Structure formats: structure tokens, C-alpha cells
Amino acid sequence: MNPPNGQSPLDYLNQIAPQAPKRQGFGLNLKTVLIGGALLIVLVIILAIVVNSTTSGRKTSWEQLSLRLATTEKVATSATPLIKSSQLRSYNSDLKLYLANTQRDLAAPLTALNIVPAKIDKTLVSKEAGTELTAALEDGRLNAKYDSTYAREMGYQLATILTLLKELYGKSSASQQTFLQTAYDNLYPTYTSIQSFSTTTE
């Protein structure tokens, strides 16, 4: 077989030789794409669940802080006329001021986390209502030991708030940490004063 005019034998042979089938890029086919897509979707779902769980847990802790501060302020306010010691009354006044200021400053972090205090889950509200604290104080009043009971119980209550502030600090943003550190630093002196009073009256 002679090559067409003007075409070299080598070019002609290359032209009529069977062509090797074209390989698909990176060996991908429909099955591989579907499996890869399914794995990616599963990974995204797992990641979303983990992130949501972490955010939800952190949000609950902020809700606890809000409720605990409100309960403590309510107790401190109702205790004012019942406290006999002028020293303890002074500590209680400092505490009420701290609680009012901290709850005011807490509004911004709560808003950023989309937390509305009035819409917090009722179970958590009930848990943080301070029922046991109120009962212990009433028992102290009936036994003419209100001041010592108040110092002991409020010291414990403030310790739980300080612990919650520290826990939240480790898993919060920079702006939230600033609030938490300020709240901790402001509460600690009053806590130590009340705790000291409790120790001397036992």
C-alpha cells in the first residue's frame, strides 16, 4: 500500500495505526465520584454534630451563669434586713453591687450567643432557682443563726460562680474572656471576705 502523494511512509503508518484508548483523568469514574461525595457528606455531618454539641454545651454554661447570678442577687437582696452584723452587711452590699454590675455586663455575651434569659429551658431555671440555699437560710433564721448560716451558704454559692467563670474562660472567645476575667477578679475579694467571716463565726 503506497502512501498518499506528499506524505512520508512514517507519517502514513502513524496515521493508520490503531489508536490507544484515552485514559480518564486520574482514573476517576462515576462510582469513585459517588463514593467520594458520600464520604464527604458523612464527614460534614459528623463535623456539624460535634460543633453543635460543643456550642450547645457552652451555651448551657452561659445560661447557668446568668441564672445563678440572678438567683444570688435575689437572695442577697432578701437577706439585707435579716443580717445583724454590720461587717457582714457591708460585704453583702458589695456583693449586691457586684451582681448588679456583672449582670449588666453579661448582656453583651448573652446577646452574641443568642441567649434570651426569659426563654431559658424551664428545667435549667428550676435547677438554678436556689431552693436549697433559700431553705438553708430560713433554717438558720429560725435557729437564730442567720448570719453564720448566710456567710457559710453564700460563700459556697459564690465559690460555684467562681468555678463556672473559670470553666467558661477556657472555652470562650477573647472578648468573652475579658468579661469573665473581670467578673472573676471583681467577685473574688467579696468571696474571700464572706468566707473569712464564715470561718470566724463557726
Protein backbone atom coordinates (compact mmCIF):
# COMPACT_ATOMS: atom_id res chain seq x y z
CA MET A 1 0.00 0.00 0.00
CA ASN A 2 1.52 3.26 -1.11
CA PRO A 3 1.17 6.41 0.99
CA PRO A 4 -0.74 9.34 -0.50
CA ASN A 5 1.25 11.83 -2.51
CA GLY A 6 3.45 14.13 -0.47
CA GLN A 7 3.15 12.06 2.75
CA SER A 8 6.17 10.22 4.15
CA PRO A 9 5.84 6.48 4.86
CA LEU A 10 6.40 7.08 8.59
CA ASP A 11 3.57 9.64 8.82
CA TYR A 12 1.28 7.36 6.89
CA LEU A 13 1.96 4.40 9.17
CA ASN A 14 1.31 6.53 12.27
CA GLN A 15 -1.99 7.64 10.79
CA ILE A 16 -3.34 4.16 10.02
CA ALA A 17 -2.05 2.50 13.22
CA PRO A 18 -4.77 1.72 15.84
CA GLN A 19 -5.01 4.50 18.46
CA ALA A 20 -4.58 3.63 22.14
CA PRO A 21 -7.75 4.29 24.13
CA LYS A 22 -7.71 7.59 26.02
CA ARG A 23 -7.29 7.23 29.80
CA GLN A 24 -9.71 9.08 32.03
CA GLY A 25 -8.09 11.73 34.16
CA PHE A 26 -6.74 10.27 37.42
CA GLY A 27 -8.70 7.12 36.82
CA LEU A 28 -11.97 8.69 38.01
CA ASN A 29 -15.27 7.14 37.12
CA LEU A 30 -18.85 7.69 38.25
CA LYS A 31 -18.60 5.11 41.06
CA THR A 32 -15.47 6.73 42.52
CA VAL A 33 -17.06 10.19 42.40
CA LEU A 34 -20.22 8.95 44.15
CA ILE A 35 -18.26 7.19 46.92
CA GLY A 36 -16.08 10.27 47.46
CA GLY A 37 -19.13 12.52 47.58
CA ALA A 38 -20.88 10.26 50.09
CA LEU A 39 -17.82 10.18 52.35
CA LEU A 40 -17.56 13.97 52.20
CA ILE A 41 -21.23 14.37 53.17
CA VAL A 42 -20.81 11.99 56.12
CA LEU A 43 -17.71 13.92 57.25
CA VAL A 44 -19.56 17.24 57.08
CA ILE A 45 -22.49 15.82 59.08
CA ILE A 46 -20.17 14.44 61.79
CA LEU A 47 -18.32 17.76 61.99
CA ALA A 48 -21.61 19.66 62.26
CA ILE A 49 -22.78 17.38 65.10
CA VAL A 50 -19.53 17.85 67.02
CA VAL A 51 -19.57 21.64 66.58
CA ASN A 52 -23.24 21.85 67.54
CA SER A 53 -22.69 19.69 70.62
CA THR A 54 -19.75 21.83 71.76
CA THR A 55 -21.62 25.08 71.14
CA SER A 56 -24.74 23.77 72.89
CA GLY A 57 -22.76 22.74 75.98
CA ARG A 58 -21.03 26.10 76.14
CA LYS A 59 -24.34 27.89 75.69
CA THR A 60 -25.86 25.97 78.61
CA SER A 61 -22.95 27.05 80.84
CA TRP A 62 -23.60 30.70 79.97
CA GLU A 63 -27.27 30.19 80.75
CA GLN A 64 -26.30 28.67 84.10
CA LEU A 65 -24.13 31.67 84.87
CA SER A 66 -26.95 34.08 84.05
CA LEU A 67 -29.45 32.23 86.22
CA ARG A 68 -27.02 31.71 89.11
CA LEU A 69 -26.12 35.39 89.23
CA ALA A 70 -29.80 36.37 89.21
CA THR A 71 -30.64 33.89 91.98
CA THR A 72 -27.70 35.02 94.10
CA GLU A 73 -28.69 38.66 93.72
CA LYS A 74 -32.26 37.83 94.77
CA VAL A 75 -31.01 36.02 97.87
CA ALA A 76 -28.55 38.79 98.76
CA THR A 77 -31.29 41.41 98.46
CA SER A 78 -33.75 39.49 100.63
CA ALA A 79 -31.01 38.90 103.23
CA THR A 80 -30.24 42.58 103.76
CA PRO A 81 -32.80 43.27 106.53
CA LEU A 82 -32.05 39.95 108.26
CA ILE A 83 -28.27 40.35 108.67
CA LYS A 84 -27.31 41.59 112.14
CA SER A 85 -23.55 42.00 111.75
CA SER A 86 -22.57 45.38 110.31
CA GLN A 87 -19.46 43.81 108.80
CA LEU A 88 -21.41 41.08 107.03
CA ARG A 89 -23.97 43.65 105.93
CA SER A 90 -21.16 45.64 104.32
CA TYR A 91 -19.90 42.55 102.49
CA ASN A 92 -23.43 41.86 101.34
CA SER A 93 -23.76 45.42 99.99
CA ASP A 94 -20.55 44.91 98.00
CA LEU A 95 -21.93 41.63 96.71
CA LYS A 96 -25.20 43.17 95.54
CA LEU A 97 -23.28 45.89 93.68
CA TYR A 98 -21.06 43.29 92.05
CA LEU A 99 -24.04 41.16 91.00
CA ALA A 100 -25.89 44.13 89.50
CA ASN A 101 -22.84 45.27 87.51
CA THR A 102 -21.94 41.78 86.34
CA GLN A 103 -25.44 41.02 85.12
CA ARG A 104 -25.43 44.32 83.24
CA ASP A 105 -22.11 43.45 81.55
CA LEU A 106 -23.28 39.88 80.89
CA ALA A 107 -25.94 41.15 78.49
CA ALA A 108 -23.47 41.53 75.61
CA PRO A 109 -22.05 37.97 75.73
CA LEU A 110 -25.56 36.54 76.05
CA THR A 111 -26.75 38.52 73.03
CA ALA A 112 -23.76 37.31 71.00
CA LEU A 113 -24.70 33.73 71.87
CA ASN A 114 -28.39 34.33 71.06
CA ILE A 115 -29.39 33.64 74.67
CA VAL A 116 -32.57 35.26 75.92
CA PRO A 117 -32.77 34.84 79.74
CA ALA A 118 -36.56 34.79 79.68
CA LYS A 119 -36.51 31.87 77.21
CA ILE A 120 -34.03 29.60 79.00
CA ASP A 121 -35.21 25.99 79.40
CA LYS A 122 -37.51 25.62 82.42
CA THR A 123 -35.62 22.58 83.71
CA LEU A 124 -32.43 24.61 83.98
CA VAL A 125 -34.33 27.53 85.52
CA SER A 126 -35.70 25.19 88.18
CA LYS A 127 -32.27 23.70 88.83
CA GLU A 128 -30.74 27.15 89.36
CA ALA A 129 -33.60 28.55 91.43
CA GLY A 130 -31.61 28.29 94.68
CA THR A 131 -34.28 26.29 96.52
CA GLU A 132 -31.79 24.54 98.79
CA LEU A 133 -29.97 27.80 99.52
CA THR A 134 -33.21 29.54 100.50
CA ALA A 135 -34.26 26.61 102.69
CA ALA A 136 -30.90 26.59 104.50
CA LEU A 137 -31.13 30.32 105.18
CA GLU A 138 -34.65 30.00 106.51
CA ASP A 139 -33.48 27.21 108.80
CA GLY A 140 -30.67 29.46 110.03
CA ARG A 141 -33.11 32.29 110.70
CA LEU A 142 -35.43 30.03 112.70
CA ASN A 143 -32.48 28.85 114.80
CA ALA A 144 -31.20 32.41 115.43
CA LYS A 145 -28.05 31.69 113.43
CA TYR A 146 -28.82 33.65 110.31
CA ASP A 147 -25.50 35.50 109.95
CA SER A 148 -23.28 32.42 110.24
CA THR A 149 -25.62 30.41 108.03
CA TYR A 150 -25.72 33.18 105.44
CA ALA A 151 -21.91 33.52 105.37
CA ARG A 152 -21.43 29.76 105.02
CA GLU A 153 -24.11 29.21 102.36
CA MET A 154 -23.30 32.34 100.37
CA GLY A 155 -19.60 31.50 100.49
CA TYR A 156 -20.39 28.18 98.86
CA GLN A 157 -22.69 29.81 96.31
CA LEU A 158 -20.01 32.31 95.31
CA ALA A 159 -17.44 29.52 95.02
CA THR A 160 -19.67 27.79 92.45
CA ILE A 161 -19.91 31.04 90.47
CA LEU A 162 -16.12 31.47 90.51
CA THR A 163 -15.71 27.87 89.32
CA LEU A 164 -18.19 28.42 86.50
CA LEU A 165 -16.37 31.58 85.41
CA LYS A 166 -13.09 29.64 85.24
CA GLU A 167 -14.67 26.80 83.27
CA LEU A 168 -16.16 29.18 80.73
CA TYR A 169 -12.88 31.08 80.36
CA GLY A 170 -11.12 28.06 78.90
CA LYS A 171 -13.60 27.67 76.05
CA SER A 172 -14.53 31.24 75.17
CA SER A 173 -13.51 33.91 72.67
CA ALA A 174 -11.12 36.76 73.54
CA SER A 175 -13.92 39.27 74.16
CA GLN A 176 -15.80 36.79 76.34
CA GLN A 177 -12.63 36.02 78.26
CA THR A 178 -12.22 39.72 79.04
CA PHE A 179 -15.68 39.77 80.62
CA LEU A 180 -15.08 36.52 82.50
CA GLN A 181 -11.71 37.63 83.89
CA THR A 182 -13.15 40.96 85.04
CA ALA A 183 -16.12 39.22 86.65
CA TYR A 184 -13.81 36.78 88.44
CA ASP A 185 -11.44 39.49 89.68
CA ASN A 186 -14.33 41.61 90.97
CA LEU A 187 -16.06 38.77 92.80
CA TYR A 188 -13.03 37.14 94.41
CA PRO A 189 -12.38 39.78 97.12
CA THR A 190 -16.01 39.69 98.30
CA TYR A 191 -15.96 35.91 98.27
CA THR A 192 -12.83 35.79 100.45
CA SER A 193 -14.33 38.33 102.88
CA ILE A 194 -17.55 36.37 103.30
CA GLN A 195 -15.62 33.11 103.53
CA SER A 196 -13.39 34.62 106.22
CA PHE A 197 -16.42 35.83 108.16
CA SER A 198 -17.89 32.33 107.98
CA THR A 199 -14.69 30.83 109.39
CA THR A 200 -14.60 33.20 112.36
CA THR A 201 -18.23 32.59 113.28
CA GLU A 202 -18.12 28.79 113.21
